[in-house]
Amino acid sequence: MNRKNLANKNFKKPETEFKPIDLTTAKSVPNGMTRAFSNNRYIIMVYDHSKTTHGNATSVLVQKINNTPILNHWSEMQRIKNEIFGKEVVAVEYYPKHSELQDVHNIYWFWIFPEGILPIPILT
C-alpha cells in the first residue's frame, strides 16, 4: 500500500496523540529542524532557532500526512499549538505580500516569538 493510501486509511481511525519523532534515527532531517512530532493525521516540524527580523523565534511547520488542505484550518492549528506548545503560548501566522508568497504544498506555518517581541494583545 502506498503512503497516500495508508494515510487516507489512518484518517478513518480516531486521531491519536502527538508523539515526538526521534531525529537521531531519521533517514534525513531538514536543515535547522530541532524537533518533530506526529500522529496518524499530522507531521509537525519545529525549528527552534529561526532567524526573523526581530531576532530568533520558533517556527513550526504543520502538514497533513496525506498532503491535503487542513479543513477548519484556524481551529485545527490552534488545537495543535495547544497540544504541543501549551494553551498559554501565543503563536502567529503570517500572510505575506502576494509577490513574496510561497505556496507550493499544503504546508502551514506559525511562529512563536519570545515574550515581549510582539505587541500582545494586539487589541486593547
PDB file of N, CA and C in Angstrom:
ATOM      1  N   MET A   1       0.853  -1.181   0.000  1.00  0.00           N
ATOM      2  CA  MET A   1       0.000   0.000   0.000  1.00  0.00           C
ATOM      3  C   MET A   1       0.896   1.241   0.000  1.00  0.00           C
ATOM      4  N   ASN A   2       0.596   2.187  -0.899  1.00  0.00           N
ATOM      5  CA  ASN A   2       1.440   3.379  -0.960  1.00  0.00           C
ATOM      6  C   ASN A   2       1.132   4.326   0.207  1.00  0.00           C
ATOM      7  N   ARG A   3       2.022   5.285   0.370  1.00  0.00           N
ATOM      8  CA  ARG A   3       1.959   6.194   1.533  1.00  0.00           C
ATOM      9  C   ARG A   3       0.643   6.959   1.602  1.00  0.00           C
ATOM     10  N   LYS A   4       0.159   7.464   0.455  1.00  0.00           N
ATOM     11  CA  LYS A   4      -1.073   8.252   0.460  1.00  0.00           C
ATOM     12  C   LYS A   4      -2.276   7.377   0.811  1.00  0.00           C
ATOM     13  N   ASN A   5      -2.345   6.167   0.290  1.00  0.00           N
ATOM     14  CA  ASN A   5      -3.452   5.272   0.631  1.00  0.00           C
ATOM     15  C   ASN A   5      -3.430   4.906   2.110  1.00  0.00           C
ATOM     16  N   LEU A   6      -2.240   4.660   2.642  1.00  0.00           N
ATOM     17  CA  LEU A   6      -2.106   4.357   4.064  1.00  0.00           C
ATOM     18  C   LEU A   6      -2.533   5.554   4.913  1.00  0.00           C
ATOM     19  N   ALA A   7      -2.132   6.746   4.504  1.00  0.00           N
ATOM     20  CA  ALA A   7      -2.520   7.960   5.222  1.00  0.00           C
ATOM     21  C   ALA A   7      -4.037   8.130   5.209  1.00  0.00           C
ATOM     22  N   ASN A   8      -4.658   7.938   4.054  1.00  0.00           N
ATOM     23  CA  ASN A   8      -6.113   8.069   3.964  1.00  0.00           C
ATOM     24  C   ASN A   8      -6.821   7.030   4.829  1.00  0.00           C
ATOM     25  N   LYS A   9      -6.278   5.825   4.911  1.00  0.00           N
ATOM     26  CA  LYS A   9      -6.835   4.780   5.764  1.00  0.00           C
ATOM     27  C   LYS A   9      -6.751   5.195   7.241  1.00  0.00           C
ATOM     28  N   ASN A  10      -5.629   5.813   7.634  1.00  0.00           N
ATOM     29  CA  ASN A  10      -5.455   6.270   9.011  1.00  0.00           C
ATOM     30  C   ASN A  10      -6.439   7.360   9.397  1.00  0.00           C
ATOM     31  N   PHE A  11      -6.887   8.163   8.410  1.00  0.00           N
ATOM     32  CA  PHE A  11      -7.832   9.241   8.700  1.00  0.00           C
ATOM     33  C   PHE A  11      -9.196   8.708   9.110  1.00  0.00           C
ATOM     34  N   LYS A  12      -9.480   7.464   8.797  1.00  0.00           N
ATOM     35  CA  LYS A  12     -10.762   6.867   9.170  1.00  0.00           C
ATOM     36  C   LYS A  12     -10.766   6.422  10.632  1.00  0.00           C
ATOM     37  N   LYS A  13      -9.598   6.351  11.246  1.00  0.00           N
ATOM     38  CA  LYS A  13      -9.466   5.956  12.645  1.00  0.00           C
ATOM     39  C   LYS A  13      -9.507   7.204  13.526  1.00  0.00           C
ATOM     40  N   PRO A  14      -9.823   7.039  14.817  1.00  0.00           N
ATOM     41  CA  PRO A  14      -9.764   8.204  15.727  1.00  0.00           C
ATOM     42  C   PRO A  14      -8.348   8.780  15.748  1.00  0.00           C
ATOM     43  N   GLU A  15      -8.284  10.091  15.903  1.00  0.00           N
ATOM     44  CA  GLU A  15      -6.970  10.748  15.923  1.00  0.00           C
ATOM     45  C   GLU A  15      -6.180  10.321  17.152  1.00  0.00           C
ATOM     46  N   THR A  16      -4.902  10.028  16.934  1.00  0.00           N
ATOM     47  CA  THR A  16      -4.023   9.630  18.026  1.00  0.00           C
ATOM     48  C   THR A  16      -3.316  10.863  18.586  1.00  0.00           C
ATOM     49  N   GLU A  17      -2.697  10.717  19.762  1.00  0.00           N
ATOM     50  CA  GLU A  17      -1.979  11.849  20.356  1.00  0.00           C
ATOM     51  C   GLU A  17      -0.644  12.048  19.648  1.00  0.00           C
ATOM     52  N   PHE A  18      -0.126  13.264  19.734  1.00  0.00           N
ATOM     53  CA  PHE A  18       1.166  13.568  19.130  1.00  0.00           C
ATOM     54  C   PHE A  18       2.274  12.908  19.928  1.00  0.00           C
ATOM     55  N   LYS A  19       3.211  12.321  19.217  1.00  0.00           N
ATOM     56  CA  LYS A  19       4.388  11.698  19.826  1.00  0.00           C
ATOM     57  C   LYS A  19       5.626  12.340  19.205  1.00  0.00           C
ATOM     58  N   PRO A  20       6.680  12.512  20.002  1.00  0.00           N
ATOM     59  CA  PRO A  20       7.928  13.038  19.435  1.00  0.00           C
ATOM     60  C   PRO A  20       8.528  12.038  18.442  1.00  0.00           C
ATOM     61  N   ILE A  21       9.185  12.556  17.433  1.00  0.00           N
ATOM     62  CA  ILE A  21       9.914  11.733  16.470  1.00  0.00           C
ATOM     63  C   ILE A  21      11.380  11.765  16.872  1.00  0.00           C
ATOM     64  N   ASP A  22      12.014  10.621  16.924  1.00  0.00           N
ATOM     65  CA  ASP A  22      13.440  10.541  17.260  1.00  0.00           C
ATOM     66  C   ASP A  22      14.250  10.939  16.026  1.00  0.00           C
ATOM     67  N   LEU A  23      14.786  12.146  16.040  1.00  0.00           N
ATOM     68  CA  LEU A  23      15.529  12.644  14.876  1.00  0.00           C
ATOM     69  C   LEU A  23      16.877  11.962  14.705  1.00  0.00           C
ATOM     70  N   THR A  24      17.387  11.325  15.756  1.00  0.00           N
ATOM     71  CA  THR A  24      18.687  10.654  15.635  1.00  0.00           C
ATOM     72  C   THR A  24      18.598   9.400  14.772  1.00  0.00           C
ATOM     73  N   THR A  25      17.390   8.862  14.602  1.00  0.00           N
ATOM     74  CA  THR A  25      17.230   7.666  13.776  1.00  0.00           C
ATOM     75  C   THR A  25      16.545   7.960  12.441  1.00  0.00           C
ATOM     76  N   ALA A  26      16.207   9.209  12.193  1.00  0.00           N
ATOM     77  CA  ALA A  26      15.534   9.576  10.940  1.00  0.00           C
ATOM     78  C   ALA A  26      16.499   9.463   9.763  1.00  0.00           C
ATOM     79  N   LYS A  27      15.967   9.067   8.601  1.00  0.00           N
ATOM     80  CA  LYS A  27      16.797   8.934   7.394  1.00  0.00           C
ATOM     81  C   LYS A  27      17.397  10.267   6.986  1.00  0.00           C
ATOM     82  N   SER A  28      16.598  11.315   7.043  1.00  0.00           N
ATOM     83  CA  SER A  28      17.104  12.656   6.742  1.00  0.00           C
ATOM     84  C   SER A  28      16.314  13.664   7.570  1.00  0.00           C
ATOM     85  N   VAL A  29      16.998  14.697   7.981  1.00  0.00           N
ATOM     86  CA  VAL A  29      16.386  15.756   8.779  1.00  0.00           C
ATOM     87  C   VAL A  29      16.633  17.068   8.058  1.00  0.00           C
ATOM     88  N   PRO A  30      15.574  17.835   7.767  1.00  0.00           N
ATOM     89  CA  PRO A  30      15.768  19.128   7.113  1.00  0.00           C
ATOM     90  C   PRO A  30      16.710  20.024   7.918  1.00  0.00           C
ATOM     91  N   ASN A  31      17.507  20.791   7.226  1.00  0.00           N
ATOM     92  CA  ASN A  31      18.472  21.693   7.854  1.00  0.00           C
ATOM     93  C   ASN A  31      17.767  22.640   8.825  1.00  0.00           C
ATOM     94  N   GLY A  32      18.232  22.684  10.047  1.00  0.00           N
ATOM     95  CA  GLY A  32      17.692  23.595  11.049  1.00  0.00           C
ATOM     96  C   GLY A  32      16.572  23.025  11.896  1.00  0.00           C
ATOM     97  N   MET A  33      15.979  21.906  11.493  1.00  0.00           N
ATOM     98  CA  MET A  33      14.888  21.328  12.283  1.00  0.00           C
ATOM     99  C   MET A  33      15.449  20.767  13.584  1.00  0.00           C
ATOM    100  N   THR A  34      14.831  21.144  14.702  1.00  0.00           N
ATOM    101  CA  THR A  34      15.329  20.711  16.004  1.00  0.00           C
ATOM    102  C   THR A  34      14.445  19.673  16.684  1.00  0.00           C
ATOM    103  N   ARG A  35      13.169  19.648  16.338  1.00  0.00           N
ATOM    104  CA  ARG A  35      12.224  18.698  16.928  1.00  0.00           C
ATOM    105  C   ARG A  35      11.154  18.368  15.906  1.00  0.00           C
ATOM    106  N   ALA A  36      10.477  17.240  16.128  1.00  0.00           N
ATOM    107  CA  ALA A  36       9.356  16.877  15.264  1.00  0.00           C
ATOM    108  C   ALA A  36       8.386  16.013  16.048  1.00  0.00           C
ATOM    109  N   PHE A  37       7.125  16.065  15.636  1.00  0.00           N
ATOM    110  CA  PHE A  37       6.063  15.293  16.266  1.00  0.00           C
ATOM    111  C   PHE A  37       5.164  14.750  15.166  1.00  0.00           C
ATOM    112  N   SER A  38       4.455  13.669  15.463  1.00  0.00           N
ATOM    113  CA  SER A  38       3.482  13.165  14.502  1.00  0.00           C
ATOM    114  C   SER A  38       2.392  12.398  15.224  1.00  0.00           C
ATOM    115  N   ASN A  39       1.291  12.272  14.531  1.00  0.00           N
ATOM    116  CA  ASN A  39       0.229  11.361  14.936  1.00  0.00           C
ATOM    117  C   ASN A  39      -0.302  10.736  13.644  1.00  0.00           C
ATOM    118  N   ASN A  40      -1.463  10.144  13.672  1.00  0.00           N
ATOM    119  CA  ASN A  40      -1.960   9.486  12.468  1.00  0.00           C
ATOM    120  C   ASN A  40      -2.587  10.462  11.470  1.00  0.00           C
ATOM    121  N   ARG A  41      -2.471  11.764  11.720  1.00  0.00           N
ATOM    122  CA  ARG A  41      -3.011  12.766  10.793  1.00  0.00           C
ATOM    123  C   ARG A  41      -2.007  13.836  10.367  1.00  0.00           C
ATOM    124  N   TYR A  42      -1.098  14.199  11.260  1.00  0.00           N
ATOM    125  CA  TYR A  42      -0.213  15.335  11.003  1.00  0.00           C
ATOM    126  C   TYR A  42       1.241  15.008  11.278  1.00  0.00           C
ATOM    127  N   ILE A  43       2.095  15.756  10.606  1.00  0.00           N
ATOM    128  CA  ILE A  43       3.518  15.817  10.959  1.00  0.00           C
ATOM    129  C   ILE A  43       3.802  17.267  11.312  1.00  0.00           C
ATOM    130  N   ILE A  44       4.523  17.464  12.403  1.00  0.00           N
ATOM    131  CA  ILE A  44       4.861  18.798  12.896  1.00  0.00           C
ATOM    132  C   ILE A  44       6.382  18.886  12.948  1.00  0.00           C
ATOM    133  N   MET A  45       6.961  19.848  12.252  1.00  0.00           N
ATOM    134  CA  MET A  45       8.407  20.054  12.267  1.00  0.00           C
ATOM    135  C   MET A  45       8.688  21.379  12.960  1.00  0.00           C
ATOM    136  N   VAL A  46       9.616  21.366  13.910  1.00  0.00           N
ATOM    137  CA  VAL A  46       9.891  22.543  14.741  1.00  0.00           C
ATOM    138  C   VAL A  46      11.323  23.012  14.497  1.00  0.00           C
ATOM    139  N   TYR A  47      11.450  24.297  14.251  1.00  0.00           N
ATOM    140  CA  TYR A  47      12.749  24.957  14.060  1.00  0.00           C
ATOM    141  C   TYR A  47      12.879  25.975  15.185  1.00  0.00           C
ATOM    142  N   ASP A  48      13.602  25.597  16.246  1.00  0.00           N
ATOM    143  CA  ASP A  48      13.645  26.419  17.450  1.00  0.00           C
ATOM    144  C   ASP A  48      14.473  27.689  17.330  1.00  0.00           C
ATOM    145  N   HIS A  49      15.311  27.801  16.328  1.00  0.00           N
ATOM    146  CA  HIS A  49      16.222  28.948  16.247  1.00  0.00           C
ATOM    147  C   HIS A  49      16.091  29.666  14.900  1.00  0.00           C
ATOM    148  N   SER A  50      14.864  29.878  14.456  1.00  0.00           N
ATOM    149  CA  SER A  50      14.632  30.556  13.180  1.00  0.00           C
ATOM    150  C   SER A  50      14.949  32.039  13.305  1.00  0.00           C
ATOM    151  N   LYS A  51      15.696  32.546  12.370  1.00  0.00           N
ATOM    152  CA  LYS A  51      16.042  33.972  12.371  1.00  0.00           C
ATOM    153  C   LYS A  51      14.883  34.758  11.755  1.00  0.00           C
ATOM    154  N   THR A  52      14.497  35.841  12.431  1.00  0.00           N
ATOM    155  CA  THR A  52      13.449  36.729  11.933  1.00  0.00           C
ATOM    156  C   THR A  52      13.982  38.153  11.964  1.00  0.00           C
ATOM    157  N   THR A  53      13.189  39.083  11.505  1.00  0.00           N
ATOM    158  CA  THR A  53      13.606  40.485  11.534  1.00  0.00           C
ATOM    159  C   THR A  53      13.681  41.016  12.961  1.00  0.00           C
ATOM    160  N   HIS A  54      13.153  40.286  13.929  1.00  0.00           N
ATOM    161  CA  HIS A  54      13.193  40.710  15.338  1.00  0.00           C
ATOM    162  C   HIS A  54      13.872  39.660  16.207  1.00  0.00           C
ATOM    163  N   GLY A  55      14.935  39.055  15.701  1.00  0.00           N
ATOM    164  CA  GLY A  55      15.661  38.045  16.468  1.00  0.00           C
ATOM    165  C   GLY A  55      15.150  36.646  16.174  1.00  0.00           C
ATOM    166  N   ASN A  56      15.480  35.728  17.052  1.00  0.00           N
ATOM    167  CA  ASN A  56      15.090  34.338  16.856  1.00  0.00           C
ATOM    168  C   ASN A  56      13.664  34.081  17.321  1.00  0.00           C
ATOM    169  N   ALA A  57      13.048  33.090  16.685  1.00  0.00           N
ATOM    170  CA  ALA A  57      11.720  32.625  17.055  1.00  0.00           C
ATOM    171  C   ALA A  57      11.675  31.129  16.787  1.00  0.00           C
ATOM    172  N   THR A  58      10.628  30.498  17.249  1.00  0.00           N
ATOM    173  CA  THR A  58      10.386  29.097  16.926  1.00  0.00           C
ATOM    174  C   THR A  58       9.405  29.068  15.771  1.00  0.00           C
ATOM    175  N   SER A  59       9.802  28.493  14.650  1.00  0.00           N
ATOM    176  CA  SER A  59       8.874  28.347  13.530  1.00  0.00           C
ATOM    177  C   SER A  59       8.417  26.897  13.468  1.00  0.00           C
ATOM    178  N   VAL A  60       7.146  26.735  13.171  1.00  0.00           N
ATOM    179  CA  VAL A  60       6.514  25.424  13.227  1.00  0.00           C
ATOM    180  C   VAL A  60       5.807  25.149  11.910  1.00  0.00           C
ATOM    181  N   LEU A  61       6.173  24.038  11.277  1.00  0.00           N
ATOM    182  CA  LEU A  61       5.561  23.593  10.036  1.00  0.00           C
ATOM    183  C   LEU A  61       4.533  22.520  10.383  1.00  0.00           C
ATOM    184  N   VAL A  62       3.336  22.643   9.825  1.00  0.00           N
ATOM    185  CA  VAL A  62       2.273  21.668  10.047  1.00  0.00           C
ATOM    186  C   VAL A  62       1.807  21.169   8.690  1.00  0.00           C
ATOM    187  N   GLN A  63       1.762  19.840   8.548  1.00  0.00           N
ATOM    188  CA  GLN A  63       1.314  19.261   7.284  1.00  0.00           C
ATOM    189  C   GLN A  63       0.535  17.990   7.571  1.00  0.00           C
ATOM    190  N   LYS A  64      -0.582  17.814   6.878  1.00  0.00           N
ATOM    191  CA  LYS A  64      -1.316  16.559   6.995  1.00  0.00           C
ATOM    192  C   LYS A  64      -0.504  15.463   6.312  1.00  0.00           C
ATOM    193  N   ILE A  65      -0.579  14.253   6.840  1.00  0.00           N
ATOM    194  CA  ILE A  65       0.239  13.171   6.297  1.00  0.00           C
ATOM    195  C   ILE A  65      -0.194  12.760   4.893  1.00  0.00           C
ATOM    196  N   ASN A  66      -1.406  13.108   4.489  1.00  0.00           N
ATOM    197  CA  ASN A  66      -1.827  12.816   3.119  1.00  0.00           C
ATOM    198  C   ASN A  66      -1.703  14.037   2.206  1.00  0.00           C
ATOM    199  N   ASN A  67      -1.057  15.091   2.706  1.00  0.00           N
ATOM    200  CA  ASN A  67      -0.755  16.303   1.933  1.00  0.00           C
ATOM    201  C   ASN A  67      -1.995  16.969   1.335  1.00  0.00           C
ATOM    202  N   THR A  68      -3.097  16.939   2.057  1.00  0.00           N
ATOM    203  CA  THR A  68      -4.301  17.635   1.613  1.00  0.00           C
ATOM    204  C   THR A  68      -4.493  18.873   2.484  1.00  0.00           C
ATOM    205  N   PRO A  69      -5.314  19.832   2.048  1.00  0.00           N
ATOM    206  CA  PRO A  69      -5.535  21.033   2.860  1.00  0.00           C
ATOM    207  C   PRO A  69      -6.129  20.691   4.231  1.00  0.00           C
ATOM    208  N   ILE A  70      -5.818  21.520   5.216  1.00  0.00           N
ATOM    209  CA  ILE A  70      -6.364  21.354   6.559  1.00  0.00           C
ATOM    210  C   ILE A  70      -7.734  22.024   6.597  1.00  0.00           C
ATOM    211  N   LEU A  71      -8.765  21.208   6.796  1.00  0.00           N
ATOM    212  CA  LEU A  71     -10.114  21.750   6.934  1.00  0.00           C
ATOM    213  C   LEU A  71     -10.239  22.376   8.317  1.00  0.00           C
ATOM    214  N   ASN A  72     -11.112  23.364   8.453  1.00  0.00           N
ATOM    215  CA  ASN A  72     -11.248  24.089   9.730  1.00  0.00           C
ATOM    216  C   ASN A  72      -9.873  24.559  10.197  1.00  0.00           C
ATOM    217  N   HIS A  73      -9.146  25.124   9.275  1.00  0.00           N
ATOM    218  CA  HIS A  73      -7.737  25.476   9.451  1.00  0.00           C
ATOM    219  C   HIS A  73      -7.430  26.173  10.764  1.00  0.00           C
ATOM    220  N   TRP A  74      -8.155  27.249  11.089  1.00  0.00           N
ATOM    221  CA  TRP A  74      -7.809  28.012  12.290  1.00  0.00           C
ATOM    222  C   TRP A  74      -7.962  27.170  13.546  1.00  0.00           C
ATOM    223  N   SER A  75      -9.088  26.483  13.698  1.00  0.00           N
ATOM    224  CA  SER A  75      -9.302  25.703  14.920  1.00  0.00           C
ATOM    225  C   SER A  75      -8.345  24.525  15.010  1.00  0.00           C
ATOM    226  N   GLU A  76      -7.990  23.928  13.895  1.00  0.00           N
ATOM    227  CA  GLU A  76      -7.022  22.827  13.910  1.00  0.00           C
ATOM    228  C   GLU A  76      -5.634  23.317  14.292  1.00  0.00           C
ATOM    229  N   MET A  77      -5.207  24.450  13.750  1.00  0.00           N
ATOM    230  CA  MET A  77      -3.892  24.999  14.097  1.00  0.00           C
ATOM    231  C   MET A  77      -3.849  25.399  15.572  1.00  0.00           C
ATOM    232  N   GLN A  78      -4.931  25.984  16.077  1.00  0.00           N
ATOM    233  CA  GLN A  78      -4.998  26.359  17.493  1.00  0.00           C
ATOM    234  C   GLN A  78      -4.896  25.111  18.372  1.00  0.00           C
ATOM    235  N   ARG A  79      -5.610  24.054  18.010  1.00  0.00           N
ATOM    236  CA  ARG A  79      -5.590  22.818  18.781  1.00  0.00           C
ATOM    237  C   ARG A  79      -4.192  22.191  18.774  1.00  0.00           C
ATOM    238  N   ILE A  80      -3.555  22.160  17.621  1.00  0.00           N
ATOM    239  CA  ILE A  80      -2.197  21.603  17.506  1.00  0.00           C
ATOM    240  C   ILE A  80      -1.222  22.430  18.347  1.00  0.00           C
ATOM    241  N   LYS A  81      -1.314  23.752  18.236  1.00  0.00           N
ATOM    242  CA  LYS A  81      -0.446  24.632  19.040  1.00  0.00           C
ATOM    243  C   LYS A  81      -0.632  24.356  20.521  1.00  0.00           C
ATOM    244  N   ASN A  82      -1.875  24.242  20.959  1.00  0.00           N
ATOM    245  CA  ASN A  82      -2.170  23.985  22.370  1.00  0.00           C
ATOM    246  C   ASN A  82      -1.615  22.641  22.829  1.00  0.00           C
ATOM    247  N   GLU A  83      -1.801  21.612  22.026  1.00  0.00           N
ATOM    248  CA  GLU A  83      -1.372  20.269  22.420  1.00  0.00           C
ATOM    249  C   GLU A  83       0.148  20.150  22.507  1.00  0.00           C
ATOM    250  N   ILE A  84       0.861  20.775  21.605  1.00  0.00           N
ATOM    251  CA  ILE A  84       2.314  20.604  21.575  1.00  0.00           C
ATOM    252  C   ILE A  84       3.045  21.667  22.381  1.00  0.00           C
ATOM    253  N   PHE A  85       2.594  22.908  22.324  1.00  0.00           N
ATOM    254  CA  PHE A  85       3.337  24.006  22.945  1.00  0.00           C
ATOM    255  C   PHE A  85       2.656  24.595  24.177  1.00  0.00           C
ATOM    256  N   GLY A  86       1.395  24.314  24.375  1.00  0.00           N
ATOM    257  CA  GLY A  86       0.685  24.794  25.556  1.00  0.00           C
ATOM    258  C   GLY A  86      -0.392  25.811  25.226  1.00  0.00           C
ATOM    259  N   LYS A  87      -1.432  25.811  26.037  1.00  0.00           N
ATOM    260  CA  LYS A  87      -2.589  26.686  25.807  1.00  0.00           C
ATOM    261  C   LYS A  87      -2.278  28.161  25.995  1.00  0.00           C
ATOM    262  N   GLU A  88      -1.290  28.495  26.810  1.00  0.00           N
ATOM    263  CA  GLU A  88      -0.989  29.900  27.085  1.00  0.00           C
ATOM    264  C   GLU A  88       0.138  30.455  26.225  1.00  0.00           C
ATOM    265  N   VAL A  89       0.592  29.683  25.246  1.00  0.00           N
ATOM    266  CA  VAL A  89       1.619  30.151  24.307  1.00  0.00           C
ATOM    267  C   VAL A  89       0.931  30.909  23.174  1.00  0.00           C
ATOM    268  N   VAL A  90       1.493  32.063  22.800  1.00  0.00           N
ATOM    269  CA  VAL A  90       0.973  32.850  21.693  1.00  0.00           C
ATOM    270  C   VAL A  90       1.739  32.474  20.433  1.00  0.00           C
ATOM    271  N   ALA A  91       1.005  32.172  19.369  1.00  0.00           N
ATOM    272  CA  ALA A  91       1.612  31.860  18.075  1.00  0.00           C
ATOM    273  C   ALA A  91       0.996  32.770  17.021  1.00  0.00           C
ATOM    274  N   VAL A  92       1.746  33.023  15.957  1.00  0.00           N
ATOM    275  CA  VAL A  92       1.328  33.954  14.917  1.00  0.00           C
ATOM    276  C   VAL A  92       1.454  33.287  13.554  1.00  0.00           C
ATOM    277  N   GLU A  93       0.421  33.443  12.715  1.00  0.00           N
ATOM    278  CA  GLU A  93       0.529  33.062  11.315  1.00  0.00           C
ATOM    279  C   GLU A  93       0.858  34.323  10.531  1.00  0.00           C
ATOM    280  N   TYR A  94       1.507  34.140   9.412  1.00  0.00           N
ATOM    281  CA  TYR A  94       1.986  35.272   8.620  1.00  0.00           C
ATOM    282  C   TYR A  94       1.426  35.155   7.210  1.00  0.00           C
ATOM    283  N   TYR A  95       0.830  36.212   6.717  1.00  0.00           N
ATOM    284  CA  TYR A  95       0.282  36.250   5.371  1.00  0.00           C
ATOM    285  C   TYR A  95       1.070  37.300   4.578  1.00  0.00           C
ATOM    286  N   PRO A  96       2.020  36.856   3.743  1.00  0.00           N
ATOM    287  CA  PRO A  96       2.917  37.787   3.050  1.00  0.00           C
ATOM    288  C   PRO A  96       2.251  38.508   1.882  1.00  0.00           C
ATOM    289  N   LYS A  97       2.991  39.494   1.359  1.00  0.00           N
ATOM    290  CA  LYS A  97       2.575  40.127   0.108  1.00  0.00           C
ATOM    291  C   LYS A  97       2.513  39.034  -0.951  1.00  0.00           C
ATOM    292  N   HIS A  98       1.623  39.204  -1.918  1.00  0.00           N
ATOM    293  CA  HIS A  98       1.479  38.205  -2.973  1.00  0.00           C
ATOM    294  C   HIS A  98       2.804  37.951  -3.691  1.00  0.00           C
ATOM    295  N   SER A  99       3.588  38.999  -3.883  1.00  0.00           N
ATOM    296  CA  SER A  99       4.866  38.860  -4.591  1.00  0.00           C
ATOM    297  C   SER A  99       5.874  38.015  -3.814  1.00  0.00           C
ATOM    298  N   GLU A 100       5.656  37.811  -2.514  1.00  0.00           N
ATOM    299  CA  GLU A 100       6.562  37.009  -1.691  1.00  0.00           C
ATOM    300  C   GLU A 100       5.960  35.663  -1.288  1.00  0.00           C
ATOM    301  N   LEU A 101       4.785  35.362  -1.823  1.00  0.00           N
ATOM    302  CA  LEU A 101       4.077  34.142  -1.472  1.00  0.00           C
ATOM    303  C   LEU A 101       4.805  32.903  -1.968  1.00  0.00           C
ATOM    304  N   GLN A 102       4.952  31.927  -1.094  1.00  0.00           N
ATOM    305  CA  GLN A 102       5.496  30.611  -1.434  1.00  0.00           C
ATOM    306  C   GLN A 102       4.448  29.593  -1.002  1.00  0.00           C
ATOM    307  N   ASP A 103       3.658  29.109  -1.952  1.00  0.00           N
ATOM    308  CA  ASP A 103       2.544  28.229  -1.625  1.00  0.00           C
ATOM    309  C   ASP A 103       2.544  27.045  -2.587  1.00  0.00           C
ATOM    310  N   VAL A 104       3.527  26.164  -2.425  1.00  0.00           N
ATOM    311  CA  VAL A 104       3.665  25.053  -3.369  1.00  0.00           C
ATOM    312  C   VAL A 104       3.129  23.733  -2.818  1.00  0.00           C
ATOM    313  N   HIS A 105       2.872  23.642  -1.524  1.00  0.00           N
ATOM    314  CA  HIS A 105       2.346  22.435  -0.895  1.00  0.00           C
ATOM    315  C   HIS A 105       1.306  22.845   0.129  1.00  0.00           C
ATOM    316  N   ASN A 106       0.572  21.896   0.632  1.00  0.00           N
ATOM    317  CA  ASN A 106      -0.387  22.159   1.702  1.00  0.00           C
ATOM    318  C   ASN A 106       0.346  22.140   3.036  1.00  0.00           C
ATOM    319  N   ILE A 107       1.203  23.140   3.208  1.00  0.00           N
ATOM    320  CA  ILE A 107       2.007  23.289   4.417  1.00  0.00           C
ATOM    321  C   ILE A 107       1.597  24.587   5.093  1.00  0.00           C
ATOM    322  N   TYR A 108       1.432  24.530   6.396  1.00  0.00           N
ATOM    323  CA  TYR A 108       1.017  25.679   7.188  1.00  0.00           C
ATOM    324  C   TYR A 108       2.112  25.975   8.199  1.00  0.00           C
ATOM    325  N   TRP A 109       2.340  27.237   8.455  1.00  0.00           N
ATOM    326  CA  TRP A 109       3.391  27.662   9.386  1.00  0.00           C
ATOM    327  C   TRP A 109       2.808  28.568  10.448  1.00  0.00           C
ATOM    328  N   PHE A 110       3.353  28.465  11.659  1.00  0.00           N
ATOM    329  CA  PHE A 110       3.143  29.508  12.657  1.00  0.00           C
ATOM    330  C   PHE A 110       4.452  29.734  13.391  1.00  0.00           C
ATOM    331  N   TRP A 111       4.564  30.900  14.008  1.00  0.00           N
ATOM    332  CA  TRP A 111       5.779  31.301  14.711  1.00  0.00           C
ATOM    333  C   TRP A 111       5.450  31.612  16.155  1.00  0.00           C
ATOM    334  N   ILE A 112       6.367  31.217  17.032  1.00  0.00           N
ATOM    335  CA  ILE A 112       6.268  31.527  18.455  1.00  0.00           C
ATOM    336  C   ILE A 112       7.471  32.407  18.784  1.00  0.00           C
ATOM    337  N   PHE A 113       7.194  33.644  19.175  1.00  0.00           N
ATOM    338  CA  PHE A 113       8.249  34.608  19.474  1.00  0.00           C
ATOM    339  C   PHE A 113       8.504  34.652  20.974  1.00  0.00           C
ATOM    340  N   PRO A 114       9.703  35.049  21.368  1.00  0.00           N
ATOM    341  CA  PRO A 114       9.966  35.227  22.798  1.00  0.00           C
ATOM    342  C   PRO A 114       9.031  36.279  23.384  1.00  0.00           C
ATOM    343  N   GLU A 115       8.788  36.171  24.661  1.00  0.00           N
ATOM    344  CA  GLU A 115       7.928  37.119  25.384  1.00  0.00           C
ATOM    345  C   GLU A 115       8.391  38.555  25.132  1.00  0.00           C
ATOM    346  N   GLY A 116       7.445  39.438  24.821  1.00  0.00           N
ATOM    347  CA  GLY A 116       7.741  40.852  24.651  1.00  0.00           C
ATOM    348  C   GLY A 116       8.119  41.279  23.251  1.00  0.00           C
ATOM    349  N   ILE A 117       8.244  40.349  22.304  1.00  0.00           N
ATOM    350  CA  ILE A 117       8.635  40.721  20.942  1.00  0.00           C
ATOM    351  C   ILE A 117       7.442  41.306  20.182  1.00  0.00           C
ATOM    352  N   LEU A 118       6.274  40.689  20.306  1.00  0.00           N
ATOM    353  CA  LEU A 118       5.086  41.177  19.621  1.00  0.00           C
ATOM    354  C   LEU A 118       4.202  41.953  20.592  1.00  0.00           C
ATOM    355  N   PRO A 119       3.456  42.936  20.097  1.00  0.00           N
ATOM    356  CA  PRO A 119       2.551  43.676  20.966  1.00  0.00           C
ATOM    357  C   PRO A 119       1.298  42.840  21.252  1.00  0.00           C
ATOM    358  N   ILE A 120       1.399  41.934  22.221  1.00  0.00           N
ATOM    359  CA  ILE A 120       0.299  41.041  22.553  1.00  0.00           C
ATOM    360  C   ILE A 120      -0.301  41.503  23.877  1.00  0.00           C
ATOM    361  N   PRO A 121      -1.578  41.663  24.026  1.00  0.00           N
ATOM    362  CA  PRO A 121      -2.558  41.507  22.960  1.00  0.00           C
ATOM    363  C   PRO A 121      -2.503  42.677  21.976  1.00  0.00           C
ATOM    364  N   ILE A 122      -2.901  42.424  20.752  1.00  0.00           N
ATOM    365  CA  ILE A 122      -2.874  43.467  19.714  1.00  0.00           C
ATOM    366  C   ILE A 122      -3.968  44.482  19.978  1.00  0.00           C
ATOM    367  N   LEU A 123      -5.122  44.001  20.418  1.00  0.00           N
ATOM    368  CA  LEU A 123      -6.250  44.883  20.709  1.00  0.00           C
ATOM    369  C   LEU A 123      -6.268  45.231  22.188  1.00  0.00           C
ATOM    370  N   THR A 124      -6.743  46.436  22.507  1.00  0.00           N
ATOM    371  CA  THR A 124      -6.832  46.820  23.929  1.00  0.00           C
ATOM    372  C   THR A 124      -8.268  46.948  24.366  1.00  0.00           C
TER     373      THR A 124
END
